[in-house]
Amino acid sequence: MAVLLSPEEWDSKRALEAHLDATHTTSIVLGQNAESPRRFYSLLLEQEKETTTVVVWSSGLGSKPSIAVFPDECALVGHDTWLTSLDLKGRTEIRSRRLGGVFYEFLPLHREHEVLVIHELGVMRVDLGGSVIWAVDTEVIEGWEVSETGDLTLTIMDRNERLGIRVDSGERFKPTPGAPKS
């Protein structure tokens, strides 16, 4: 199962660069092409005998970046409107995929190599390489919750509407009444 981590935010690009110079680790830098980056993040990951710093330059869209680290030295990073898959052992970016809206959150699954990705305009179930198993596009999501059965319930903004998603298949269903929380 993936471990979800939150990177440290730096006051400026200069402060982040000073930190990187002091740690002497190899870095994987994401978001170098971000439009007007104004937030800077880093997370130090230690694998067997190697240490890698994942760095994110962010335009500040959506939630703070999140990193899902998998047991076999791969990671997914949700940042701005992107989902990026990393090979931590090789210290390389595997693929980067633009999301339908800003990234909100990863939700862990009881599967070793998969997570749910919640973003502004939908939900995806992805594997550690960033390949999409299923995707459900929606209007703007303002809340979500996972039920006792493991299914996902979304609240759609300005529609007073709830949408259920079966996590195994991505199938939509009408959930029972109740207010989801995010």
C-alpha atoms as a PDB file:
ATOM      1  CA  MET A   1       0.000   0.000   0.000  1.00  0.00           C
ATOM      2  CA  ALA A   2       1.208   3.508  -0.774  1.00  0.00           C
ATOM      3  CA  VAL A   3       2.448   5.783   2.000  1.00  0.00           C
ATOM      4  CA  LEU A   4       1.118   9.336   1.626  1.00  0.00           C
ATOM      5  CA  LEU A   5       3.555  12.122   2.453  1.00  0.00           C
ATOM      6  CA  SER A   6       3.340  15.896   2.481  1.00  0.00           C
ATOM      7  CA  PRO A   7       6.408  17.903   1.435  1.00  0.00           C
ATOM      8  CA  GLU A   8       7.877  20.804   3.370  1.00  0.00           C
ATOM      9  CA  GLU A   9       7.093  24.295   2.045  1.00  0.00           C
ATOM     10  CA  TRP A  10       9.868  26.886   1.700  1.00  0.00           C
ATOM     11  CA  ASP A  11       9.497  30.654   1.969  1.00  0.00           C
ATOM     12  CA  SER A  12      11.250  31.230  -1.357  1.00  0.00           C
ATOM     13  CA  LYS A  13      13.079  29.546  -4.193  1.00  0.00           C
ATOM     14  CA  ARG A  14      16.318  30.887  -2.722  1.00  0.00           C
ATOM     15  CA  ALA A  15      15.621  29.249   0.677  1.00  0.00           C
ATOM     16  CA  LEU A  16      14.847  25.940  -1.032  1.00  0.00           C
ATOM     17  CA  GLU A  17      18.030  26.112  -3.101  1.00  0.00           C
ATOM     18  CA  ALA A  18      20.111  26.827   0.033  1.00  0.00           C
ATOM     19  CA  HIS A  19      18.541  23.781   1.702  1.00  0.00           C
ATOM     20  CA  LEU A  20      19.326  21.594  -1.326  1.00  0.00           C
ATOM     21  CA  ASP A  21      22.936  22.817  -1.387  1.00  0.00           C
ATOM     22  CA  ALA A  22      23.282  21.960   2.313  1.00  0.00           C
ATOM     23  CA  THR A  23      21.815  18.437   2.024  1.00  0.00           C
ATOM     24  CA  HIS A  24      23.973  17.344  -0.938  1.00  0.00           C
ATOM     25  CA  THR A  25      21.313  14.946  -2.235  1.00  0.00           C
ATOM     26  CA  THR A  26      20.270  14.178  -5.766  1.00  0.00           C
ATOM     27  CA  SER A  27      17.024  15.978  -6.624  1.00  0.00           C
ATOM     28  CA  ILE A  28      14.133  15.319  -8.947  1.00  0.00           C
ATOM     29  CA  VAL A  29      12.637  18.730  -9.758  1.00  0.00           C
ATOM     30  CA  LEU A  30       9.001  18.964 -10.879  1.00  0.00           C
ATOM     31  CA  GLY A  31       7.159  22.044 -12.089  1.00  0.00           C
ATOM     32  CA  GLN A  32      10.121  23.894 -13.557  1.00  0.00           C
ATOM     33  CA  ASN A  33       7.761  25.042 -16.312  1.00  0.00           C
ATOM     34  CA  ALA A  34       5.083  26.175 -13.844  1.00  0.00           C
ATOM     35  CA  GLU A  35       3.616  29.523 -14.774  1.00  0.00           C
ATOM     36  CA  SER A  36       4.784  32.094 -12.220  1.00  0.00           C
ATOM     37  CA  PRO A  37       5.930  29.612  -9.546  1.00  0.00           C
ATOM     38  CA  ARG A  38       5.337  31.129  -6.113  1.00  0.00           C
ATOM     39  CA  ARG A  39       5.421  28.135  -3.797  1.00  0.00           C
ATOM     40  CA  PHE A  40       8.352  25.787  -3.352  1.00  0.00           C
ATOM     41  CA  TYR A  41       8.315  22.352  -1.725  1.00  0.00           C
ATOM     42  CA  SER A  42      10.729  19.526  -0.994  1.00  0.00           C
ATOM     43  CA  LEU A  43      10.597  16.058   0.505  1.00  0.00           C
ATOM     44  CA  LEU A  44      13.648  14.008   1.424  1.00  0.00           C
ATOM     45  CA  LEU A  45      13.122  10.306   0.640  1.00  0.00           C
ATOM     46  CA  GLU A  46      15.522   7.690   1.918  1.00  0.00           C
ATOM     47  CA  GLN A  47      15.658   4.336   0.144  1.00  0.00           C
ATOM     48  CA  GLU A  48      18.054   1.529   1.036  1.00  0.00           C
ATOM     49  CA  LYS A  49      21.404   3.329   0.554  1.00  0.00           C
ATOM     50  CA  GLU A  50      20.220   6.283  -1.509  1.00  0.00           C
ATOM     51  CA  THR A  51      18.649   9.590  -0.564  1.00  0.00           C
ATOM     52  CA  THR A  52      16.643  11.600  -3.063  1.00  0.00           C
ATOM     53  CA  THR A  53      14.928  14.943  -2.672  1.00  0.00           C
ATOM     54  CA  VAL A  54      11.690  15.462  -4.575  1.00  0.00           C
ATOM     55  CA  VAL A  55      11.294  19.185  -5.331  1.00  0.00           C
ATOM     56  CA  VAL A  56       8.102  20.843  -6.578  1.00  0.00           C
ATOM     57  CA  TRP A  57       7.886  24.371  -7.977  1.00  0.00           C
ATOM     58  CA  SER A  58       4.216  25.304  -7.808  1.00  0.00           C
ATOM     59  CA  SER A  59       1.975  28.038  -9.146  1.00  0.00           C
ATOM     60  CA  GLY A  60      -0.032  27.592  -5.938  1.00  0.00           C
ATOM     61  CA  LEU A  61      -3.086  26.124  -7.669  1.00  0.00           C
ATOM     62  CA  GLY A  62      -5.246  23.718  -5.669  1.00  0.00           C
ATOM     63  CA  SER A  63      -4.002  21.865  -2.641  1.00  0.00           C
ATOM     64  CA  LYS A  64      -0.485  21.547  -1.366  1.00  0.00           C
ATOM     65  CA  PRO A  65       1.412  18.875  -3.337  1.00  0.00           C
ATOM     66  CA  SER A  66       1.158  15.309  -2.054  1.00  0.00           C
ATOM     67  CA  ILE A  67       3.416  12.328  -2.654  1.00  0.00           C
ATOM     68  CA  ALA A  68       2.312   8.673  -2.665  1.00  0.00           C
ATOM     69  CA  VAL A  69       5.357   6.431  -2.185  1.00  0.00           C
ATOM     70  CA  PHE A  70       5.068   2.761  -3.123  1.00  0.00           C
ATOM     71  CA  PRO A  71       7.099  -0.155  -1.694  1.00  0.00           C
ATOM     72  CA  ASP A  72       9.027  -0.784  -4.913  1.00  0.00           C
ATOM     73  CA  GLU A  73      10.661   2.654  -5.075  1.00  0.00           C
ATOM     74  CA  CYS A  74       8.112   4.403  -7.255  1.00  0.00           C
ATOM     75  CA  ALA A  75       6.111   7.480  -6.324  1.00  0.00           C
ATOM     76  CA  LEU A  76       3.225   9.570  -7.615  1.00  0.00           C
ATOM     77  CA  VAL A  77       3.210  13.323  -7.057  1.00  0.00           C
ATOM     78  CA  GLY A  78       0.018  15.397  -7.290  1.00  0.00           C
ATOM     79  CA  HIS A  79       0.793  19.079  -7.836  1.00  0.00           C
ATOM     80  CA  ASP A  80      -1.067  22.028  -9.408  1.00  0.00           C
ATOM     81  CA  THR A  81      -2.932  20.393 -12.322  1.00  0.00           C
ATOM     82  CA  TRP A  82      -0.466  17.521 -12.738  1.00  0.00           C
ATOM     83  CA  LEU A  83       0.029  13.910 -11.736  1.00  0.00           C
ATOM     84  CA  THR A  84       3.653  12.828 -12.091  1.00  0.00           C
ATOM     85  CA  SER A  85       5.036   9.314 -11.728  1.00  0.00           C
ATOM     86  CA  LEU A  86       8.629   8.886 -10.506  1.00  0.00           C
ATOM     87  CA  ASP A  87      11.171   6.074 -10.469  1.00  0.00           C
ATOM     88  CA  LEU A  88      12.971   6.852  -7.204  1.00  0.00           C
ATOM     89  CA  LYS A  89      15.703   4.265  -7.706  1.00  0.00           C
ATOM     90  CA  GLY A  90      16.579   5.629 -11.153  1.00  0.00           C
ATOM     91  CA  ARG A  91      15.786   9.171  -9.998  1.00  0.00           C
ATOM     92  CA  THR A  92      13.757   9.860 -13.117  1.00  0.00           C
ATOM     93  CA  GLU A  93      10.325  11.050 -14.106  1.00  0.00           C
ATOM     94  CA  ILE A  94       8.355   8.217 -15.725  1.00  0.00           C
ATOM     95  CA  ARG A  95       5.407  10.265 -16.973  1.00  0.00           C
ATOM     96  CA  SER A  96       3.484  13.411 -16.258  1.00  0.00           C
ATOM     97  CA  ARG A  97      -0.241  13.709 -16.948  1.00  0.00           C
ATOM     98  CA  ARG A  98      -2.350  16.874 -16.900  1.00  0.00           C
ATOM     99  CA  LEU A  99      -5.443  16.444 -14.744  1.00  0.00           C
ATOM    100  CA  GLY A 100      -8.886  17.772 -15.701  1.00  0.00           C
ATOM    101  CA  GLY A 101      -8.581  20.367 -12.936  1.00  0.00           C
ATOM    102  CA  VAL A 102      -6.426  21.167  -9.918  1.00  0.00           C
ATOM    103  CA  PHE A 103      -5.159  18.274  -7.804  1.00  0.00           C
ATOM    104  CA  TYR A 104      -6.966  17.804  -4.480  1.00  0.00           C
ATOM    105  CA  GLU A 105      -5.839  14.598  -2.797  1.00  0.00           C
ATOM    106  CA  PHE A 106      -4.676  10.986  -3.014  1.00  0.00           C
ATOM    107  CA  LEU A 107      -6.849   8.368  -1.335  1.00  0.00           C
ATOM    108  CA  PRO A 108      -5.074   5.103  -0.506  1.00  0.00           C
ATOM    109  CA  LEU A 109      -6.562   1.795  -1.608  1.00  0.00           C
ATOM    110  CA  HIS A 110      -6.141  -1.637  -0.096  1.00  0.00           C
ATOM    111  CA  ARG A 111      -4.083  -2.516  -3.145  1.00  0.00           C
ATOM    112  CA  GLU A 112      -0.331  -2.326  -2.972  1.00  0.00           C
ATOM    113  CA  HIS A 113       0.233  -0.515  -6.266  1.00  0.00           C
ATOM    114  CA  GLU A 114      -2.787   1.782  -6.736  1.00  0.00           C
ATOM    115  CA  VAL A 115      -4.355   4.987  -5.368  1.00  0.00           C
ATOM    116  CA  LEU A 116      -7.348   7.177  -6.125  1.00  0.00           C
ATOM    117  CA  VAL A 117      -6.611  10.676  -7.393  1.00  0.00           C
ATOM    118  CA  ILE A 118      -9.239  13.306  -6.566  1.00  0.00           C
ATOM    119  CA  HIS A 119      -9.031  16.452  -8.673  1.00  0.00           C
ATOM    120  CA  GLU A 120     -11.301  19.392  -9.352  1.00  0.00           C
ATOM    121  CA  LEU A 121     -13.164  17.763 -12.245  1.00  0.00           C
ATOM    122  CA  GLY A 122     -13.061  14.054 -11.517  1.00  0.00           C
ATOM    123  CA  VAL A 123     -11.580  10.956  -9.962  1.00  0.00           C
ATOM    124  CA  MET A 124      -9.065   8.452 -11.319  1.00  0.00           C
ATOM    125  CA  ARG A 125      -7.796   5.122 -10.070  1.00  0.00           C
ATOM    126  CA  VAL A 126      -4.136   4.902 -11.101  1.00  0.00           C
ATOM    127  CA  ASP A 127      -1.259   2.498 -10.651  1.00  0.00           C
ATOM    128  CA  LEU A 128       2.230   3.366  -9.450  1.00  0.00           C
ATOM    129  CA  GLY A 129       3.373   4.152 -13.010  1.00  0.00           C
ATOM    130  CA  GLY A 130       0.581   6.701 -13.401  1.00  0.00           C
ATOM    131  CA  SER A 131      -1.429   4.504 -15.788  1.00  0.00           C
ATOM    132  CA  VAL A 132      -5.168   5.106 -15.498  1.00  0.00           C
ATOM    133  CA  ILE A 133      -7.227   2.038 -14.560  1.00  0.00           C
ATOM    134  CA  TRP A 134     -10.467   4.023 -14.753  1.00  0.00           C
ATOM    135  CA  ALA A 135     -11.469   7.688 -14.755  1.00  0.00           C
ATOM    136  CA  VAL A 136     -14.735   9.451 -13.996  1.00  0.00           C
ATOM    137  CA  ASP A 137     -15.145  13.028 -15.200  1.00  0.00           C
ATOM    138  CA  THR A 138     -17.509  15.302 -13.268  1.00  0.00           C
ATOM    139  CA  GLU A 139     -18.407  18.920 -12.799  1.00  0.00           C
ATOM    140  CA  VAL A 140     -16.556  20.739  -9.991  1.00  0.00           C
ATOM    141  CA  ILE A 141     -16.143  18.534  -6.910  1.00  0.00           C
ATOM    142  CA  GLU A 142     -16.539  20.276  -3.551  1.00  0.00           C
ATOM    143  CA  GLY A 143     -16.502  17.297  -1.167  1.00  0.00           C
ATOM    144  CA  TRP A 144     -15.965  13.557  -0.915  1.00  0.00           C
ATOM    145  CA  GLU A 145     -16.023  10.646   1.498  1.00  0.00           C
ATOM    146  CA  VAL A 146     -15.307   6.936   1.457  1.00  0.00           C
ATOM    147  CA  SER A 147     -18.156   4.742   2.715  1.00  0.00           C
ATOM    148  CA  GLU A 148     -17.870   1.712   4.990  1.00  0.00           C
ATOM    149  CA  THR A 149     -18.100  -0.455   1.858  1.00  0.00           C
ATOM    150  CA  GLY A 150     -15.109   1.361   0.379  1.00  0.00           C
ATOM    151  CA  ASP A 151     -17.061   3.219  -2.303  1.00  0.00           C
ATOM    152  CA  LEU A 152     -16.578   6.933  -2.925  1.00  0.00           C
ATOM    153  CA  THR A 153     -19.295   9.579  -2.657  1.00  0.00           C
ATOM    154  CA  LEU A 154     -18.726  12.990  -4.253  1.00  0.00           C
ATOM    155  CA  THR A 155     -20.590  16.251  -3.741  1.00  0.00           C
ATOM    156  CA  ILE A 156     -20.872  18.255  -6.952  1.00  0.00           C
ATOM    157  CA  MET A 157     -20.661  22.051  -6.511  1.00  0.00           C
ATOM    158  CA  ASP A 158     -23.750  24.223  -7.066  1.00  0.00           C
ATOM    159  CA  ARG A 159     -25.922  21.213  -7.902  1.00  0.00           C
ATOM    160  CA  ASN A 160     -26.790  19.902  -4.450  1.00  0.00           C
ATOM    161  CA  GLU A 161     -26.026  16.559  -6.041  1.00  0.00           C
ATOM    162  CA  ARG A 162     -24.132  13.543  -4.785  1.00  0.00           C
ATOM    163  CA  LEU A 163     -22.487  10.985  -7.041  1.00  0.00           C
ATOM    164  CA  GLY A 164     -21.386   7.532  -5.953  1.00  0.00           C
ATOM    165  CA  ILE A 165     -18.380   5.813  -7.550  1.00  0.00           C
ATOM    166  CA  ARG A 166     -17.585   2.098  -7.139  1.00  0.00           C
ATOM    167  CA  VAL A 167     -13.858   2.029  -6.419  1.00  0.00           C
ATOM    168  CA  ASP A 168     -13.336  -1.398  -8.040  1.00  0.00           C
ATOM    169  CA  SER A 169     -14.886  -0.497 -11.406  1.00  0.00           C
ATOM    170  CA  GLY A 170     -15.406   3.276 -11.629  1.00  0.00           C
ATOM    171  CA  GLU A 171     -19.136   2.617 -12.077  1.00  0.00           C
ATOM    172  CA  ARG A 172     -21.415   5.499 -11.075  1.00  0.00           C
ATOM    173  CA  PHE A 173     -24.362   4.952  -8.697  1.00  0.00           C
ATOM    174  CA  LYS A 174     -26.919   6.972  -6.732  1.00  0.00           C
ATOM    175  CA  PRO A 175     -25.729   7.116  -3.081  1.00  0.00           C
ATOM    176  CA  THR A 176     -28.011   7.088  -0.062  1.00  0.00           C
ATOM    177  CA  PRO A 177     -28.743  10.487   1.544  1.00  0.00           C
ATOM    178  CA  GLY A 178     -26.161  12.075   3.868  1.00  0.00           C
ATOM    179  CA  ALA A 179     -23.609  14.853   3.664  1.00  0.00           C
ATOM    180  CA  PRO A 180     -20.125  13.896   2.479  1.00  0.00           C
ATOM    181  CA  LYS A 181     -17.127  15.606   3.970  1.00  0.00           C
ATOM    182  CA  SER A 182     -13.746  16.241   2.429  1.00  0.00           C
END
